[in-house]
Every structure is written in structure tokens, then in C-alpha cells.
N, C-alpha and C. Protein backbone atom coordinates (compact mmCIF):
# COMPACT_ATOMS: atom_id res chain seq x y z
N MET A 1 -11.66 8.38 20.55
CA MET A 1 -12.60 7.26 20.58
C MET A 1 -12.02 6.14 21.42
N SER A 2 -12.88 5.31 21.90
CA SER A 2 -12.42 4.14 22.63
C SER A 2 -11.75 3.17 21.65
N ALA A 3 -10.96 2.28 22.19
CA ALA A 3 -10.25 1.32 21.35
C ALA A 3 -11.20 0.22 20.88
N VAL A 4 -10.88 -0.34 19.73
CA VAL A 4 -11.58 -1.51 19.23
C VAL A 4 -10.50 -2.46 18.72
N SER A 5 -10.73 -3.75 18.85
CA SER A 5 -9.70 -4.69 18.41
C SER A 5 -10.33 -5.95 17.85
N ALA A 6 -9.51 -6.68 17.13
CA ALA A 6 -9.89 -7.96 16.56
C ALA A 6 -8.64 -8.82 16.54
N PRO A 7 -8.78 -10.13 16.65
CA PRO A 7 -7.59 -10.98 16.59
C PRO A 7 -6.92 -10.88 15.22
N LEU A 8 -5.61 -10.99 15.20
CA LEU A 8 -4.85 -10.89 13.97
C LEU A 8 -5.32 -11.90 12.93
N LYS A 9 -5.71 -13.07 13.36
CA LYS A 9 -6.19 -14.10 12.42
C LYS A 9 -7.59 -13.77 11.90
N GLY A 10 -8.22 -12.76 12.47
CA GLY A 10 -9.55 -12.36 12.03
C GLY A 10 -10.65 -13.05 12.80
N LEU A 11 -11.85 -12.56 12.58
CA LEU A 11 -13.04 -13.10 13.22
C LEU A 11 -13.85 -13.92 12.22
N PRO A 12 -14.58 -14.92 12.69
CA PRO A 12 -15.51 -15.59 11.77
C PRO A 12 -16.62 -14.60 11.42
N GLY A 13 -17.19 -14.73 10.26
CA GLY A 13 -18.25 -13.80 9.89
C GLY A 13 -18.93 -14.18 8.60
N ARG A 14 -19.85 -13.34 8.21
CA ARG A 14 -20.63 -13.54 6.99
C ARG A 14 -19.74 -13.30 5.78
N GLU A 15 -19.82 -14.20 4.81
CA GLU A 15 -19.07 -14.03 3.57
C GLU A 15 -19.86 -13.18 2.60
N SER A 16 -19.16 -12.38 1.84
CA SER A 16 -19.81 -11.59 0.79
C SER A 16 -18.85 -11.46 -0.38
N ASN A 17 -19.39 -11.21 -1.54
CA ASN A 17 -18.57 -10.98 -2.73
C ASN A 17 -18.19 -9.52 -2.78
N VAL A 18 -16.92 -9.26 -3.06
CA VAL A 18 -16.43 -7.89 -3.18
C VAL A 18 -15.68 -7.73 -4.50
N THR A 19 -15.55 -6.49 -4.92
CA THR A 19 -14.79 -6.17 -6.13
C THR A 19 -13.62 -5.30 -5.73
N ILE A 20 -12.43 -5.73 -6.13
CA ILE A 20 -11.22 -4.94 -5.93
C ILE A 20 -10.70 -4.64 -7.31
N TRP A 21 -10.84 -3.40 -7.73
CA TRP A 21 -10.60 -2.99 -9.10
C TRP A 21 -11.45 -3.86 -10.02
N LYS A 22 -10.87 -4.74 -10.79
CA LYS A 22 -11.67 -5.59 -11.68
C LYS A 22 -11.75 -7.03 -11.21
N SER A 23 -11.22 -7.31 -10.04
CA SER A 23 -11.22 -8.68 -9.50
C SER A 23 -12.42 -8.90 -8.59
N GLN A 24 -13.05 -10.05 -8.76
CA GLN A 24 -14.13 -10.47 -7.88
C GLN A 24 -13.56 -11.48 -6.90
N CYS A 25 -13.85 -11.33 -5.62
CA CYS A 25 -13.39 -12.31 -4.64
C CYS A 25 -14.33 -12.31 -3.44
N VAL A 26 -14.08 -13.22 -2.52
CA VAL A 26 -14.90 -13.37 -1.33
C VAL A 26 -14.19 -12.66 -0.17
N ALA A 27 -14.98 -12.01 0.68
CA ALA A 27 -14.47 -11.37 1.88
C ALA A 27 -15.29 -11.82 3.07
N ILE A 28 -14.68 -11.80 4.25
CA ILE A 28 -15.38 -12.19 5.48
C ILE A 28 -15.56 -10.94 6.34
N ASP A 29 -16.81 -10.61 6.61
CA ASP A 29 -17.15 -9.43 7.42
C ASP A 29 -16.64 -9.64 8.84
N GLN A 30 -16.10 -8.59 9.44
CA GLN A 30 -15.52 -8.70 10.77
C GLN A 30 -16.43 -8.21 11.89
N GLY A 31 -17.72 -8.07 11.60
CA GLY A 31 -18.70 -7.87 12.66
C GLY A 31 -19.21 -6.46 12.85
N ASP A 32 -20.33 -6.39 13.55
CA ASP A 32 -21.02 -5.12 13.75
C ASP A 32 -20.29 -4.17 14.69
N THR A 33 -19.59 -4.69 15.70
CA THR A 33 -18.88 -3.83 16.65
C THR A 33 -17.81 -3.02 15.93
N ILE A 34 -17.00 -3.69 15.12
CA ILE A 34 -15.94 -3.00 14.38
C ILE A 34 -16.56 -2.09 13.33
N ALA A 35 -17.63 -2.54 12.68
CA ALA A 35 -18.30 -1.71 11.67
C ALA A 35 -18.84 -0.43 12.29
N ALA A 36 -19.43 -0.51 13.47
CA ALA A 36 -19.96 0.68 14.14
C ALA A 36 -18.84 1.65 14.49
N TRP A 37 -17.72 1.13 14.97
CA TRP A 37 -16.58 1.97 15.32
C TRP A 37 -16.04 2.68 14.07
N LEU A 38 -15.83 1.91 12.99
CA LEU A 38 -15.33 2.50 11.74
C LEU A 38 -16.29 3.55 11.19
N THR A 39 -17.59 3.24 11.22
CA THR A 39 -18.58 4.18 10.70
C THR A 39 -18.58 5.48 11.50
N GLU A 40 -18.52 5.38 12.82
CA GLU A 40 -18.49 6.59 13.64
C GLU A 40 -17.24 7.42 13.34
N TYR A 41 -16.10 6.76 13.28
CA TYR A 41 -14.85 7.49 13.08
C TYR A 41 -14.75 8.05 11.66
N LEU A 42 -14.94 7.20 10.65
CA LEU A 42 -14.75 7.63 9.27
C LEU A 42 -15.84 8.59 8.79
N SER A 43 -17.02 8.52 9.38
CA SER A 43 -18.10 9.42 8.97
C SER A 43 -17.83 10.87 9.38
N ARG A 44 -16.85 11.09 10.22
CA ARG A 44 -16.47 12.47 10.56
C ARG A 44 -15.98 13.20 9.31
N GLU A 45 -15.30 12.47 8.44
CA GLU A 45 -14.77 13.06 7.21
C GLU A 45 -15.68 12.84 6.01
N ARG A 46 -16.26 11.65 5.94
CA ARG A 46 -17.09 11.30 4.79
C ARG A 46 -18.22 10.39 5.26
N ARG A 47 -19.40 10.95 5.30
CA ARG A 47 -20.55 10.19 5.79
C ARG A 47 -20.71 8.88 5.02
N GLY A 48 -21.08 7.85 5.74
CA GLY A 48 -21.30 6.56 5.10
C GLY A 48 -21.42 5.47 6.14
N SER A 49 -21.53 4.27 5.65
CA SER A 49 -21.58 3.09 6.48
C SER A 49 -20.37 2.25 6.11
N TYR A 50 -19.52 1.95 7.07
CA TYR A 50 -18.26 1.28 6.81
C TYR A 50 -18.20 -0.07 7.51
N ARG A 51 -17.55 -1.03 6.84
CA ARG A 51 -17.36 -2.36 7.41
C ARG A 51 -15.92 -2.79 7.15
N LEU A 52 -15.39 -3.60 8.04
CA LEU A 52 -14.07 -4.19 7.86
C LEU A 52 -14.25 -5.62 7.39
N VAL A 53 -13.54 -5.98 6.33
CA VAL A 53 -13.58 -7.36 5.83
C VAL A 53 -12.16 -7.88 5.74
N ARG A 54 -12.04 -9.19 5.70
CA ARG A 54 -10.73 -9.82 5.52
C ARG A 54 -10.86 -10.90 4.46
N MET A 55 -9.72 -11.28 3.91
CA MET A 55 -9.66 -12.36 2.93
C MET A 55 -9.73 -13.68 3.69
N PRO A 56 -10.53 -14.63 3.23
CA PRO A 56 -10.53 -15.95 3.87
C PRO A 56 -9.14 -16.58 3.81
N ASP A 57 -8.85 -17.44 4.78
CA ASP A 57 -7.53 -18.09 4.82
C ASP A 57 -7.22 -18.82 3.52
N ASP A 58 -8.23 -19.38 2.89
CA ASP A 58 -8.01 -20.11 1.64
C ASP A 58 -8.34 -19.25 0.41
N GLY A 59 -8.53 -17.95 0.64
CA GLY A 59 -8.86 -17.04 -0.47
C GLY A 59 -7.69 -16.84 -1.41
N VAL A 60 -8.00 -16.72 -2.68
CA VAL A 60 -6.96 -16.52 -3.69
C VAL A 60 -7.42 -15.42 -4.65
N ARG A 61 -6.53 -14.53 -4.94
CA ARG A 61 -6.76 -13.51 -5.95
C ARG A 61 -5.48 -13.41 -6.77
N LYS A 62 -5.57 -13.53 -8.05
CA LYS A 62 -4.40 -13.49 -8.92
C LYS A 62 -3.85 -12.07 -8.99
N ALA A 63 -2.54 -11.96 -8.87
CA ALA A 63 -1.89 -10.67 -9.00
C ALA A 63 -2.06 -10.14 -10.42
N LEU A 64 -2.06 -8.84 -10.57
CA LEU A 64 -2.23 -8.24 -11.89
C LEU A 64 -1.07 -8.56 -12.83
N HIS A 65 0.12 -8.74 -12.26
CA HIS A 65 1.31 -9.02 -13.05
C HIS A 65 1.99 -10.25 -12.49
N GLY A 66 2.50 -11.10 -13.34
CA GLY A 66 3.22 -12.29 -12.89
C GLY A 66 2.27 -13.39 -12.48
N ASP A 67 2.82 -14.39 -11.77
CA ASP A 67 2.04 -15.56 -11.39
C ASP A 67 1.64 -15.57 -9.92
N GLY A 68 1.89 -14.48 -9.22
CA GLY A 68 1.64 -14.45 -7.78
C GLY A 68 0.18 -14.38 -7.41
N GLU A 69 -0.05 -14.60 -6.12
CA GLU A 69 -1.39 -14.48 -5.55
C GLU A 69 -1.34 -13.42 -4.47
N ILE A 70 -2.42 -12.65 -4.37
CA ILE A 70 -2.49 -11.58 -3.39
C ILE A 70 -3.84 -11.63 -2.69
N ALA A 71 -3.99 -10.80 -1.69
CA ALA A 71 -5.28 -10.67 -1.01
C ALA A 71 -5.93 -9.36 -1.48
N PHE A 72 -5.85 -8.31 -0.68
CA PHE A 72 -6.54 -7.07 -1.01
C PHE A 72 -5.67 -5.93 -1.54
N PRO A 73 -4.36 -6.07 -1.69
CA PRO A 73 -3.59 -4.95 -2.24
C PRO A 73 -4.04 -4.62 -3.66
N ASP A 74 -3.79 -3.38 -4.07
CA ASP A 74 -4.12 -2.98 -5.44
C ASP A 74 -3.45 -3.89 -6.45
N GLU A 75 -2.15 -4.08 -6.27
CA GLU A 75 -1.38 -4.71 -7.33
C GLU A 75 -0.40 -5.75 -6.84
N SER A 76 0.32 -5.49 -5.78
CA SER A 76 1.37 -6.38 -5.32
C SER A 76 1.36 -6.44 -3.80
N PRO A 77 1.79 -7.57 -3.22
CA PRO A 77 1.81 -7.67 -1.77
C PRO A 77 2.96 -6.91 -1.12
N PHE A 78 4.01 -6.59 -1.89
CA PHE A 78 5.16 -5.90 -1.33
C PHE A 78 5.57 -4.75 -2.23
N LEU A 79 6.00 -3.68 -1.60
CA LEU A 79 6.54 -2.53 -2.33
C LEU A 79 7.90 -2.22 -1.72
N MET A 80 8.93 -2.28 -2.58
CA MET A 80 10.30 -2.03 -2.13
C MET A 80 10.79 -0.71 -2.72
N ILE A 81 11.60 -0.01 -1.94
CA ILE A 81 12.26 1.20 -2.41
C ILE A 81 13.60 1.27 -1.70
N SER A 82 14.58 1.89 -2.32
CA SER A 82 15.87 2.02 -1.66
C SER A 82 15.98 3.38 -0.99
N GLN A 83 16.67 3.39 0.12
CA GLN A 83 16.91 4.65 0.83
C GLN A 83 17.67 5.62 -0.06
N SER A 84 18.59 5.10 -0.89
CA SER A 84 19.37 5.98 -1.76
C SER A 84 18.49 6.67 -2.80
N SER A 85 17.41 6.01 -3.25
CA SER A 85 16.49 6.66 -4.19
C SER A 85 15.77 7.82 -3.52
N LEU A 86 15.30 7.61 -2.29
CA LEU A 86 14.64 8.71 -1.58
C LEU A 86 15.64 9.82 -1.27
N ASP A 87 16.86 9.45 -0.90
CA ASP A 87 17.88 10.47 -0.62
C ASP A 87 18.14 11.33 -1.85
N ASP A 88 18.22 10.69 -3.03
CA ASP A 88 18.43 11.44 -4.26
C ASP A 88 17.26 12.37 -4.54
N LEU A 89 16.07 11.86 -4.40
CA LEU A 89 14.88 12.69 -4.61
C LEU A 89 14.88 13.88 -3.65
N ASN A 90 15.16 13.63 -2.40
CA ASN A 90 15.13 14.70 -1.40
C ASN A 90 16.19 15.77 -1.64
N ARG A 91 17.31 15.40 -2.25
CA ARG A 91 18.33 16.41 -2.59
C ARG A 91 17.80 17.40 -3.63
N ARG A 92 16.82 17.00 -4.39
CA ARG A 92 16.27 17.83 -5.46
C ARG A 92 15.05 18.65 -5.02
N LEU A 93 14.47 18.28 -3.90
CA LEU A 93 13.24 18.93 -3.46
C LEU A 93 13.53 20.11 -2.52
N PRO A 94 12.65 21.10 -2.53
CA PRO A 94 12.82 22.22 -1.60
C PRO A 94 12.63 21.79 -0.15
N ALA A 95 11.77 20.80 0.09
CA ALA A 95 11.57 20.24 1.44
C ALA A 95 11.55 18.72 1.31
N PRO A 96 12.33 18.03 2.13
CA PRO A 96 12.42 16.57 2.00
C PRO A 96 11.11 15.87 2.35
N LEU A 97 10.91 14.71 1.74
CA LEU A 97 9.76 13.86 2.04
C LEU A 97 10.21 12.69 2.89
N PRO A 98 9.37 12.28 3.86
CA PRO A 98 9.72 11.08 4.64
C PRO A 98 9.42 9.82 3.82
N MET A 99 10.08 8.74 4.15
CA MET A 99 9.90 7.48 3.45
C MET A 99 8.45 7.00 3.50
N ASN A 100 7.75 7.26 4.61
CA ASN A 100 6.39 6.73 4.74
C ASN A 100 5.42 7.30 3.71
N ARG A 101 5.77 8.39 3.04
CA ARG A 101 4.90 8.93 1.99
C ARG A 101 4.77 7.96 0.82
N PHE A 102 5.75 7.08 0.64
CA PHE A 102 5.74 6.14 -0.49
C PHE A 102 5.18 4.78 -0.09
N ARG A 103 4.88 4.59 1.16
CA ARG A 103 4.26 3.38 1.71
C ARG A 103 4.97 2.07 1.37
N PRO A 104 6.30 2.03 1.47
CA PRO A 104 6.97 0.75 1.18
C PRO A 104 6.80 -0.24 2.32
N ASN A 105 6.81 -1.52 1.98
CA ASN A 105 6.87 -2.57 2.99
C ASN A 105 8.32 -2.85 3.36
N ILE A 106 9.21 -2.67 2.38
CA ILE A 106 10.62 -2.99 2.56
C ILE A 106 11.46 -1.83 2.04
N VAL A 107 12.38 -1.35 2.89
CA VAL A 107 13.31 -0.29 2.50
C VAL A 107 14.70 -0.92 2.40
N LEU A 108 15.30 -0.79 1.23
CA LEU A 108 16.59 -1.39 0.94
C LEU A 108 17.71 -0.39 1.17
N ALA A 109 18.88 -0.89 1.54
CA ALA A 109 20.05 -0.03 1.74
C ALA A 109 21.22 -0.63 0.97
N GLY A 110 22.17 0.21 0.62
CA GLY A 110 23.41 -0.26 0.02
C GLY A 110 23.44 -0.30 -1.49
N SER A 111 22.44 0.25 -2.15
CA SER A 111 22.45 0.27 -3.61
C SER A 111 22.49 1.71 -4.09
N LYS A 112 22.73 1.87 -5.38
CA LYS A 112 22.69 3.20 -5.97
C LYS A 112 21.24 3.64 -6.14
N ALA A 113 21.03 4.94 -6.24
CA ALA A 113 19.69 5.49 -6.41
C ALA A 113 19.03 4.90 -7.65
N TYR A 114 17.81 4.45 -7.49
CA TYR A 114 16.94 3.93 -8.55
C TYR A 114 17.43 2.60 -9.14
N GLN A 115 18.47 2.02 -8.58
CA GLN A 115 18.96 0.74 -9.09
C GLN A 115 17.91 -0.36 -8.94
N GLU A 116 17.08 -0.26 -7.92
CA GLU A 116 16.05 -1.28 -7.70
C GLU A 116 15.04 -1.36 -8.84
N ASP A 117 14.94 -0.30 -9.62
CA ASP A 117 14.00 -0.31 -10.75
C ASP A 117 14.37 -1.34 -11.81
N ALA A 118 15.63 -1.74 -11.88
CA ALA A 118 16.09 -2.67 -12.90
C ALA A 118 16.20 -4.12 -12.40
N TRP A 119 16.01 -4.34 -11.12
CA TRP A 119 16.16 -5.67 -10.56
C TRP A 119 14.96 -6.54 -10.91
N SER A 120 15.22 -7.80 -11.25
CA SER A 120 14.12 -8.73 -11.50
C SER A 120 13.86 -9.63 -10.29
N ARG A 121 14.87 -9.80 -9.44
CA ARG A 121 14.73 -10.61 -8.23
C ARG A 121 15.51 -9.97 -7.09
N VAL A 122 14.97 -10.11 -5.88
CA VAL A 122 15.65 -9.63 -4.68
C VAL A 122 15.57 -10.75 -3.66
N LYS A 123 16.71 -11.11 -3.08
CA LYS A 123 16.74 -12.17 -2.08
C LYS A 123 17.07 -11.53 -0.73
N ILE A 124 16.23 -11.78 0.24
CA ILE A 124 16.43 -11.28 1.60
C ILE A 124 16.37 -12.49 2.51
N GLY A 125 17.52 -12.84 3.06
CA GLY A 125 17.58 -14.06 3.87
C GLY A 125 17.22 -15.24 2.99
N GLY A 126 16.27 -16.04 3.42
CA GLY A 126 15.84 -17.19 2.64
C GLY A 126 14.66 -16.91 1.72
N LEU A 127 14.21 -15.67 1.67
CA LEU A 127 13.07 -15.32 0.83
C LEU A 127 13.53 -14.68 -0.47
N GLU A 128 12.91 -15.08 -1.56
CA GLU A 128 13.22 -14.46 -2.84
C GLU A 128 11.97 -13.77 -3.35
N PHE A 129 12.12 -12.50 -3.69
CA PHE A 129 11.04 -11.69 -4.22
C PHE A 129 11.26 -11.52 -5.72
N VAL A 130 10.20 -11.70 -6.49
CA VAL A 130 10.27 -11.54 -7.93
C VAL A 130 9.61 -10.22 -8.28
N ALA A 131 10.37 -9.36 -8.96
CA ALA A 131 9.82 -8.08 -9.38
C ALA A 131 8.95 -8.29 -10.60
N THR A 132 7.70 -7.93 -10.50
CA THR A 132 6.78 -8.12 -11.62
C THR A 132 6.45 -6.82 -12.32
N THR A 133 6.52 -5.71 -11.60
CA THR A 133 6.21 -4.41 -12.19
C THR A 133 6.70 -3.31 -11.27
N GLN A 134 6.85 -2.14 -11.80
CA GLN A 134 7.16 -0.98 -10.97
C GLN A 134 5.84 -0.38 -10.50
N CYS A 135 5.88 0.25 -9.37
CA CYS A 135 4.69 0.88 -8.83
C CYS A 135 4.39 2.14 -9.66
N GLY A 136 3.18 2.21 -10.16
CA GLY A 136 2.77 3.37 -10.95
C GLY A 136 2.66 4.61 -10.09
N ARG A 137 2.75 5.76 -10.71
CA ARG A 137 2.63 7.01 -9.99
C ARG A 137 1.22 7.18 -9.47
N CYS A 138 1.09 7.63 -8.27
CA CYS A 138 -0.21 7.93 -7.69
C CYS A 138 -0.04 9.17 -6.82
N PRO A 139 -1.13 9.77 -6.39
CA PRO A 139 -1.01 11.00 -5.63
C PRO A 139 -0.63 10.82 -4.17
N ILE A 140 -0.56 9.59 -3.66
CA ILE A 140 -0.32 9.37 -2.23
C ILE A 140 0.96 10.05 -1.72
N PRO A 141 2.11 10.00 -2.42
CA PRO A 141 3.29 10.67 -1.87
C PRO A 141 3.13 12.19 -1.72
N THR A 142 2.13 12.76 -2.35
CA THR A 142 1.94 14.21 -2.22
C THR A 142 1.17 14.58 -0.96
N ILE A 143 0.62 13.60 -0.25
CA ILE A 143 -0.24 13.88 0.90
C ILE A 143 0.53 13.70 2.21
N ASP A 144 0.55 14.74 3.03
CA ASP A 144 1.17 14.66 4.35
C ASP A 144 0.27 13.79 5.21
N GLN A 145 0.79 12.67 5.69
CA GLN A 145 -0.03 11.71 6.41
C GLN A 145 -0.44 12.20 7.80
N LEU A 146 0.24 13.20 8.32
CA LEU A 146 -0.14 13.74 9.62
C LEU A 146 -1.24 14.78 9.52
N THR A 147 -1.23 15.56 8.43
CA THR A 147 -2.20 16.66 8.31
C THR A 147 -3.28 16.41 7.27
N GLY A 148 -3.02 15.49 6.31
CA GLY A 148 -3.96 15.27 5.22
C GLY A 148 -3.87 16.31 4.12
N VAL A 149 -2.92 17.23 4.24
CA VAL A 149 -2.76 18.29 3.25
C VAL A 149 -1.99 17.76 2.05
N GLN A 150 -2.53 18.03 0.86
CA GLN A 150 -1.87 17.58 -0.37
C GLN A 150 -0.92 18.65 -0.87
N GLY A 151 0.30 18.21 -1.20
CA GLY A 151 1.31 19.11 -1.73
C GLY A 151 1.49 18.88 -3.22
N LYS A 152 2.64 19.31 -3.73
CA LYS A 152 2.94 19.17 -5.15
C LYS A 152 3.53 17.79 -5.44
N GLU A 153 3.34 17.34 -6.67
CA GLU A 153 3.93 16.09 -7.16
C GLU A 153 5.44 16.23 -7.10
N PRO A 154 6.16 15.34 -6.37
CA PRO A 154 7.61 15.51 -6.22
C PRO A 154 8.38 15.44 -7.53
N TYR A 155 7.96 14.62 -8.48
CA TYR A 155 8.69 14.54 -9.73
C TYR A 155 8.58 15.84 -10.51
N ASP A 156 7.42 16.47 -10.45
CA ASP A 156 7.25 17.77 -11.12
C ASP A 156 8.12 18.83 -10.47
N ALA A 157 8.22 18.76 -9.14
CA ALA A 157 8.94 19.79 -8.40
C ALA A 157 10.44 19.77 -8.67
N CYS A 158 10.99 18.62 -9.08
CA CYS A 158 12.45 18.55 -9.26
C CYS A 158 12.86 18.07 -10.63
N ASN A 159 11.92 18.06 -11.59
CA ASN A 159 12.22 17.74 -12.98
C ASN A 159 12.87 16.38 -13.18
N ILE A 160 12.39 15.36 -12.48
CA ILE A 160 12.86 14.00 -12.71
C ILE A 160 11.87 13.34 -13.66
N PRO A 161 12.33 12.84 -14.80
CA PRO A 161 11.39 12.16 -15.69
C PRO A 161 10.85 10.90 -15.03
N GLU A 162 9.56 10.61 -15.20
CA GLU A 162 8.95 9.47 -14.56
C GLU A 162 9.54 8.15 -15.03
N ASP A 163 10.10 8.09 -16.22
CA ASP A 163 10.66 6.82 -16.72
C ASP A 163 12.15 6.70 -16.44
N ARG A 164 12.75 7.66 -15.74
CA ARG A 164 14.18 7.67 -15.41
C ARG A 164 14.94 6.79 -16.34
């Protein structure tokens, strides 16, 4: 398909109310050109009408845990995992998984496997991150992002208890 683009700050557009899980918030539609492109592309797999929306600059949505504010993520704006945790998991699996299967925003180095699960705060440079919850298990790590083929749940495959 041909390329389509929008400025990083977003486009002005019609506001509408959207529901993200149980949260109600306002979204700004990013226009018919992008909607037509998304609809053409995504309808190859699942017929429908698709639109791209963004959170208004002054938009606020309360995080599910803690006192933070988020935009459109399910639960938290950041997901951290340590390389040593993935390395440990991969030693137990018949075929290793790449880090991108877990969709982290931040990959940590220099800690023991799964040590990040017990941290309440992480400081990176001048930024301090407050851990509010662990990421719940979902099927995303089982899906090969290049092929779309779903594999087996990694914890089941190597007998790691989910509550470690």
C-alpha cells in the first residue's frame, strides 16, 4: 500500500467519546484519509470500518492502579522487563522467544532474573518510575509477530509457576 502519515502531535479533528475497557474518555479523530487507509489495510484480515483516534493534549484517564494518569494503554504507560528474566525463560524453552513478544517499553540489564517483579521504584537518569502492578498474563507472547501464528504458552512449556 502507499504510505500514509500524520504529524506526531496529531491532527485536529472531531471529538468523540470512547470506551477503553471500563473507562470513558474523549478521543480526537485523525481524519478520513487515515481512516480509509486503515480500513483498506485492516479489512484484508477482518472486514470493518476503522478510524485512528488520539487522546487530546489535555486528556486525562486514571490508571487502573496507583495515582498515575494514562492515555490509551490497557493498564500502564510503561512495561519493564529485564533481559536476565527473558534469558532465564529462554533457557527453559525448546525454542527461544525474542524480547519483542513481551512488548516492553524498557528493557533492564544488570539484575537477577525476575528481580524486577519485587521492585517498587525504578530510577533511570532523572526519571523515577513507580511500580503499581505486574503485567497480567495474556496471549500476546505466544504470537509470532512476523507470521501471526500462535504458539504455546511459554510458562506452560517450561513449568514456571505464574506467581514465581
